[in-house]
Amino acid sequence: MNNQNTKSTRENHSEVAIASIWLLLLALVVVAAVLLWRNARQRRVEADALLWQEIDAHVSRQVPAPLEPLMKLVAWEPVSSKGEAQ
């Protein structure tokens, strides 16, 4: 009976060790997934910020790109609020 008790104790320790290893591997996979998700999210935020900067630069242009050559031909003089050239 003592021999059977020892055998089942060894089997239990072995099963606990295997379960512990699986649990550790699962924890590592979860940590890796969280880190990858955060990294991807950060890159997405940076890409969105860059896109908004490009949109802002394009929208806030004084003259659309096709009219730029024409604007170089025309000399503009600033006009004061009184209607006089400065």
Protein backbone atom coordinates (compact mmCIF):
# COMPACT_ATOMS: atom_id res chain seq x y z
CA MET A 1 0.00 0.00 0.00
CA ASN A 2 2.88 2.34 0.78
CA ASN A 3 4.31 1.68 -2.69
CA GLN A 4 1.01 2.67 -4.32
CA ASN A 5 0.83 5.81 -2.19
CA THR A 6 4.33 6.83 -3.29
CA LYS A 7 3.47 6.16 -6.92
CA SER A 8 0.32 8.28 -6.82
CA THR A 9 2.21 11.05 -4.99
CA ARG A 10 4.82 11.07 -7.75
CA GLU A 11 2.12 11.14 -10.38
CA ASN A 12 0.41 14.02 -8.59
CA HIS A 13 3.68 15.97 -8.39
CA SER A 14 4.30 15.26 -12.05
CA GLU A 15 0.81 16.44 -12.99
CA VAL A 16 1.21 19.57 -10.87
CA ALA A 17 4.56 20.29 -12.52
CA ILE A 18 3.09 19.86 -16.00
CA ALA A 19 0.10 22.03 -15.10
CA SER A 20 2.46 24.69 -13.71
CA ILE A 21 4.49 24.68 -16.91
CA TRP A 22 1.33 25.05 -19.02
CA LEU A 23 0.13 27.86 -16.80
CA LEU A 24 3.48 29.64 -17.14
CA LEU A 25 3.41 29.24 -20.91
CA LEU A 26 -0.15 30.59 -21.02
CA ALA A 27 0.89 33.60 -18.93
CA LEU A 28 3.82 34.27 -21.29
CA VAL A 29 1.52 34.09 -24.31
CA VAL A 30 -0.93 36.52 -22.70
CA VAL A 31 1.86 38.98 -21.81
CA ALA A 32 3.27 38.78 -25.35
CA ALA A 33 -0.19 39.36 -26.84
CA VAL A 34 -0.77 42.41 -24.64
CA LEU A 35 2.63 43.88 -25.56
CA LEU A 36 2.02 43.32 -29.28
CA TRP A 37 -1.45 44.86 -29.04
CA ARG A 38 -0.10 47.94 -27.25
CA ASN A 39 2.68 48.33 -29.82
CA ALA A 40 0.22 48.05 -32.71
CA ARG A 41 -2.11 50.53 -31.02
CA GLN A 42 0.72 53.02 -30.51
CA ARG A 43 1.75 52.75 -34.16
CA ARG A 44 -1.88 53.28 -35.20
CA VAL A 45 -2.13 56.41 -33.03
CA GLU A 46 1.10 57.79 -34.52
CA ALA A 47 -0.09 57.04 -38.05
CA ASP A 48 -3.41 58.77 -37.35
CA ALA A 49 -1.61 61.84 -35.99
CA LEU A 50 0.59 61.99 -39.09
CA LEU A 51 -2.44 61.65 -41.33
CA TRP A 52 -4.20 64.50 -39.52
CA GLN A 53 -1.11 66.69 -39.92
CA GLU A 54 -1.05 65.97 -43.65
CA ILE A 55 -4.77 66.71 -43.96
CA ASP A 56 -4.37 69.93 -41.98
CA ALA A 57 -1.45 71.03 -44.17
CA HIS A 58 -3.44 70.27 -47.33
CA VAL A 59 -6.65 71.93 -46.16
CA SER A 60 -4.98 75.04 -44.78
CA ARG A 61 -3.14 75.86 -48.00
CA GLN A 62 -3.82 79.39 -49.15
CA VAL A 63 -4.08 78.37 -52.79
CA PRO A 64 -4.84 74.93 -54.23
CA ALA A 65 -1.87 73.26 -55.91
CA PRO A 66 -3.16 73.66 -59.52
CA LEU A 67 -3.36 77.45 -59.00
CA GLU A 68 0.17 77.89 -57.62
CA PRO A 69 1.77 78.68 -61.02
CA LEU A 70 -0.89 81.33 -61.59
CA MET A 71 -0.25 82.81 -58.14
CA LYS A 72 3.44 83.21 -59.00
CA LEU A 73 2.44 85.31 -62.02
CA VAL A 74 0.16 87.63 -60.07
CA ALA A 75 1.74 90.13 -57.70
CA TRP A 76 -0.44 90.76 -54.69
CA GLU A 77 -0.14 93.83 -52.57
CA PRO A 78 -1.56 93.69 -49.07
CA VAL A 79 -4.52 96.04 -48.60
CA SER A 80 -5.20 97.74 -45.30
CA SER A 81 -8.64 97.80 -43.73
CA LYS A 82 -9.13 101.29 -45.20
CA GLY A 83 -8.72 99.96 -48.74
CA GLU A 84 -5.24 101.45 -49.27
CA ALA A 85 -2.27 99.52 -50.61
CA GLN A 86 0.47 99.19 -48.04
